[in-house]
N, C-alpha and C. Protein backbone atom coordinates (compact mmCIF):
# COMPACT_ATOMS: atom_id res chain seq x y z
N MET A 1 -44.25 15.57 -114.18
CA MET A 1 -42.84 15.28 -114.05
C MET A 1 -42.64 14.43 -112.79
N ARG A 2 -41.81 13.44 -112.91
CA ARG A 2 -41.47 12.60 -111.77
C ARG A 2 -40.28 13.19 -111.02
N LEU A 3 -40.23 12.91 -109.74
CA LEU A 3 -39.14 13.41 -108.91
C LEU A 3 -37.80 12.90 -109.41
N SER A 4 -37.75 11.69 -109.91
CA SER A 4 -36.49 11.12 -110.41
C SER A 4 -35.96 11.88 -111.63
N GLU A 5 -36.83 12.60 -112.34
CA GLU A 5 -36.40 13.36 -113.51
C GLU A 5 -35.62 14.62 -113.15
N LEU A 6 -35.68 15.04 -111.88
CA LEU A 6 -34.92 16.22 -111.44
C LEU A 6 -33.45 15.88 -111.19
N LYS A 7 -33.15 14.60 -111.01
CA LYS A 7 -31.78 14.18 -110.70
C LYS A 7 -30.81 14.59 -111.81
N ASN A 8 -29.65 15.09 -111.40
CA ASN A 8 -28.54 15.51 -112.26
C ASN A 8 -28.79 16.80 -113.04
N LYS A 9 -29.89 17.48 -112.79
CA LYS A 9 -30.10 18.78 -113.46
C LYS A 9 -29.29 19.85 -112.73
N GLU A 10 -28.72 20.77 -113.51
CA GLU A 10 -27.98 21.89 -112.93
C GLU A 10 -28.97 22.99 -112.57
N VAL A 11 -28.72 23.65 -111.44
CA VAL A 11 -29.58 24.73 -110.99
C VAL A 11 -28.85 26.05 -111.23
N ILE A 12 -29.50 26.94 -112.00
CA ILE A 12 -28.90 28.21 -112.41
C ILE A 12 -29.80 29.35 -111.92
N ASP A 13 -29.18 30.35 -111.29
CA ASP A 13 -29.89 31.56 -110.88
C ASP A 13 -29.91 32.51 -112.07
N ILE A 14 -31.10 32.83 -112.61
CA ILE A 14 -31.19 33.66 -113.81
C ILE A 14 -30.88 35.13 -113.52
N ASP A 15 -30.94 35.54 -112.26
CA ASP A 15 -30.62 36.93 -111.92
C ASP A 15 -29.11 37.19 -111.99
N SER A 16 -28.33 36.25 -111.50
CA SER A 16 -26.87 36.45 -111.47
C SER A 16 -26.14 35.62 -112.52
N GLY A 17 -26.81 34.62 -113.09
CA GLY A 17 -26.16 33.73 -114.04
C GLY A 17 -25.28 32.68 -113.38
N MET A 18 -25.31 32.63 -112.04
CA MET A 18 -24.45 31.69 -111.31
C MET A 18 -25.05 30.29 -111.25
N ARG A 19 -24.17 29.32 -111.32
CA ARG A 19 -24.54 27.92 -111.15
C ARG A 19 -24.55 27.63 -109.65
N LEU A 20 -25.70 27.21 -109.12
CA LEU A 20 -25.81 26.95 -107.70
C LEU A 20 -25.40 25.53 -107.34
N GLY A 21 -25.57 24.61 -108.24
CA GLY A 21 -25.22 23.22 -107.97
C GLY A 21 -25.98 22.29 -108.88
N ARG A 22 -25.79 21.03 -108.64
CA ARG A 22 -26.46 19.99 -109.43
C ARG A 22 -27.26 19.12 -108.47
N ILE A 23 -28.49 18.85 -108.85
CA ILE A 23 -29.33 18.03 -107.99
C ILE A 23 -28.91 16.57 -108.11
N GLY A 24 -28.61 15.97 -106.98
CA GLY A 24 -28.27 14.56 -106.93
C GLY A 24 -29.51 13.76 -106.59
N GLU A 25 -29.43 13.02 -105.53
CA GLU A 25 -30.62 12.34 -105.03
C GLU A 25 -31.50 13.44 -104.45
N CYS A 26 -32.58 13.72 -105.12
CA CYS A 26 -33.40 14.88 -104.80
C CYS A 26 -34.21 14.66 -103.53
N GLU A 27 -34.18 15.67 -102.68
CA GLU A 27 -35.01 15.69 -101.50
C GLU A 27 -35.92 16.90 -101.60
N VAL A 28 -37.17 16.70 -101.26
CA VAL A 28 -38.15 17.77 -101.38
C VAL A 28 -38.96 17.87 -100.09
N SER A 29 -39.59 19.03 -99.91
CA SER A 29 -40.57 19.22 -98.84
C SER A 29 -41.93 19.33 -99.50
N ILE A 30 -42.89 18.58 -98.97
CA ILE A 30 -44.23 18.56 -99.54
C ILE A 30 -45.24 18.87 -98.44
N ASP A 31 -46.22 19.71 -98.76
CA ASP A 31 -47.33 19.99 -97.85
C ASP A 31 -48.25 18.78 -97.91
N LEU A 32 -48.34 18.05 -96.82
CA LEU A 32 -49.09 16.80 -96.81
C LEU A 32 -50.60 17.02 -96.92
N THR A 33 -51.08 18.18 -96.53
CA THR A 33 -52.52 18.41 -96.64
C THR A 33 -52.96 18.70 -98.06
N SER A 34 -52.13 19.44 -98.81
CA SER A 34 -52.51 19.79 -100.19
C SER A 34 -51.77 18.96 -101.24
N GLY A 35 -50.67 18.31 -100.84
CA GLY A 35 -49.86 17.56 -101.81
C GLY A 35 -48.97 18.46 -102.65
N ARG A 36 -48.87 19.73 -102.28
CA ARG A 36 -48.12 20.73 -103.04
C ARG A 36 -46.64 20.69 -102.67
N LEU A 37 -45.77 20.77 -103.67
CA LEU A 37 -44.34 20.83 -103.45
C LEU A 37 -43.97 22.18 -102.88
N ILE A 38 -43.24 22.21 -101.77
CA ILE A 38 -42.87 23.47 -101.12
C ILE A 38 -41.48 23.91 -101.56
N ASP A 39 -40.50 23.03 -101.46
CA ASP A 39 -39.14 23.37 -101.88
C ASP A 39 -38.34 22.12 -102.19
N ILE A 40 -37.20 22.35 -102.88
CA ILE A 40 -36.26 21.27 -103.16
C ILE A 40 -34.92 21.64 -102.54
N MET A 41 -34.14 20.64 -102.20
CA MET A 41 -32.83 20.86 -101.61
C MET A 41 -31.76 20.71 -102.69
N VAL A 42 -30.93 21.75 -102.83
CA VAL A 42 -29.89 21.76 -103.85
C VAL A 42 -28.54 21.76 -103.15
N PRO A 43 -27.70 20.73 -103.39
CA PRO A 43 -26.34 20.76 -102.82
C PRO A 43 -25.53 21.86 -103.49
N THR A 44 -24.91 22.73 -102.68
CA THR A 44 -24.09 23.80 -103.23
C THR A 44 -22.65 23.32 -103.35
N GLU A 45 -21.92 23.90 -104.27
CA GLU A 45 -20.56 23.47 -104.54
C GLU A 45 -19.57 24.61 -104.36
N ASP A 46 -19.91 25.62 -103.57
CA ASP A 46 -19.02 26.75 -103.33
C ASP A 46 -17.96 26.36 -102.32
N GLY A 47 -16.75 26.77 -102.57
CA GLY A 47 -15.68 26.55 -101.60
C GLY A 47 -15.15 25.13 -101.61
N PHE A 48 -14.32 24.83 -100.62
CA PHE A 48 -13.67 23.54 -100.52
C PHE A 48 -14.34 22.70 -99.45
N SER A 49 -14.53 21.43 -99.74
CA SER A 49 -15.09 20.51 -98.77
C SER A 49 -14.43 19.15 -98.95
N LEU A 50 -14.18 18.47 -97.87
CA LEU A 50 -13.56 17.14 -97.95
C LEU A 50 -14.45 16.13 -98.65
N PHE A 51 -15.75 16.34 -98.57
CA PHE A 51 -16.67 15.38 -99.15
C PHE A 51 -17.30 15.86 -100.45
N GLY A 52 -16.80 16.94 -101.01
CA GLY A 52 -17.26 17.41 -102.31
C GLY A 52 -18.47 18.32 -102.28
N LYS A 53 -19.13 18.46 -101.13
CA LYS A 53 -20.28 19.34 -101.01
C LYS A 53 -20.04 20.26 -99.82
N SER A 54 -20.37 21.51 -99.98
CA SER A 54 -20.14 22.42 -98.87
C SER A 54 -21.43 22.84 -98.18
N GLY A 55 -22.57 22.41 -98.68
CA GLY A 55 -23.81 22.77 -98.01
C GLY A 55 -25.01 22.44 -98.86
N ILE A 56 -26.16 22.84 -98.34
CA ILE A 56 -27.43 22.61 -99.03
C ILE A 56 -28.21 23.90 -99.01
N GLU A 57 -28.80 24.26 -100.13
CA GLU A 57 -29.66 25.42 -100.21
C GLU A 57 -31.09 24.95 -100.46
N LEU A 58 -32.02 25.48 -99.69
CA LEU A 58 -33.43 25.20 -99.93
C LEU A 58 -33.94 26.16 -100.99
N VAL A 59 -34.52 25.63 -102.03
CA VAL A 59 -35.05 26.45 -103.13
C VAL A 59 -36.57 26.34 -103.10
N ALA A 60 -37.23 27.46 -102.79
CA ALA A 60 -38.69 27.49 -102.75
C ALA A 60 -39.25 27.28 -104.15
N TRP A 61 -40.35 26.56 -104.23
CA TRP A 61 -40.97 26.26 -105.51
C TRP A 61 -41.32 27.54 -106.27
N GLU A 62 -41.69 28.60 -105.55
CA GLU A 62 -42.05 29.86 -106.19
C GLU A 62 -40.87 30.49 -106.92
N ARG A 63 -39.65 30.16 -106.55
CA ARG A 63 -38.46 30.71 -107.20
C ARG A 63 -38.15 30.06 -108.54
N ILE A 64 -38.70 28.88 -108.79
CA ILE A 64 -38.38 28.14 -110.01
C ILE A 64 -39.10 28.78 -111.20
N HIS A 65 -38.30 29.14 -112.20
CA HIS A 65 -38.82 29.78 -113.41
C HIS A 65 -39.14 28.74 -114.48
N LYS A 66 -38.22 27.81 -114.69
CA LYS A 66 -38.39 26.81 -115.75
C LYS A 66 -37.58 25.57 -115.42
N ILE A 67 -38.14 24.42 -115.74
CA ILE A 67 -37.41 23.15 -115.64
C ILE A 67 -37.26 22.62 -117.05
N GLY A 68 -36.00 22.57 -117.50
CA GLY A 68 -35.71 22.09 -118.85
C GLY A 68 -35.14 20.68 -118.81
N ASN A 69 -34.59 20.26 -119.95
CA ASN A 69 -34.01 18.91 -120.03
C ASN A 69 -32.77 18.75 -119.17
N ASP A 70 -31.94 19.80 -119.09
CA ASP A 70 -30.68 19.72 -118.37
C ASP A 70 -30.55 20.70 -117.21
N PHE A 71 -31.41 21.72 -117.17
CA PHE A 71 -31.27 22.79 -116.21
C PHE A 71 -32.56 23.08 -115.49
N ILE A 72 -32.42 23.65 -114.28
CA ILE A 72 -33.53 24.26 -113.57
C ILE A 72 -33.15 25.72 -113.40
N LEU A 73 -33.97 26.62 -113.96
CA LEU A 73 -33.70 28.04 -113.88
C LEU A 73 -34.56 28.64 -112.78
N LEU A 74 -33.93 29.44 -111.91
CA LEU A 74 -34.68 30.06 -110.83
C LEU A 74 -34.28 31.50 -110.65
N SER A 75 -35.17 32.24 -110.01
CA SER A 75 -34.94 33.64 -109.71
C SER A 75 -34.70 33.77 -108.22
N ALA A 76 -33.72 34.55 -107.83
CA ALA A 76 -33.36 34.69 -106.42
C ALA A 76 -34.49 35.29 -105.59
N ASN A 77 -35.24 36.22 -106.17
CA ASN A 77 -36.28 36.88 -105.40
C ASN A 77 -37.66 36.29 -105.59
N GLY A 78 -37.78 35.26 -106.40
CA GLY A 78 -39.07 34.61 -106.62
C GLY A 78 -39.99 35.35 -107.57
N ASP A 79 -39.54 36.47 -108.13
CA ASP A 79 -40.35 37.27 -109.04
C ASP A 79 -40.11 36.79 -110.47
N VAL A 80 -40.86 35.79 -110.88
CA VAL A 80 -40.67 35.22 -112.22
C VAL A 80 -41.98 35.28 -112.99
N ASN A 81 -41.87 35.42 -114.29
CA ASN A 81 -43.04 35.39 -115.17
C ASN A 81 -43.20 33.98 -115.70
N ARG A 82 -44.29 33.36 -115.38
CA ARG A 82 -44.50 31.97 -115.81
C ARG A 82 -45.29 31.93 -117.08
């Protein structure tokens, strides 16, 4: 999967069923020694903000359960069956 394919996917927490946000221009953290993806940054949309975003949540790669066509499903505690 290319990084550009993550753009515009909605991020859903499967434990609570809550929508955390939609990935825009995706930013990631990568371990340069191993090339492994560490986490992705998800803009959150909770509350009111003058610029439409109220913050950013770092989502650890271990929390991601599934990446589908339109959604990224994750578990809050990272305990997912792959």
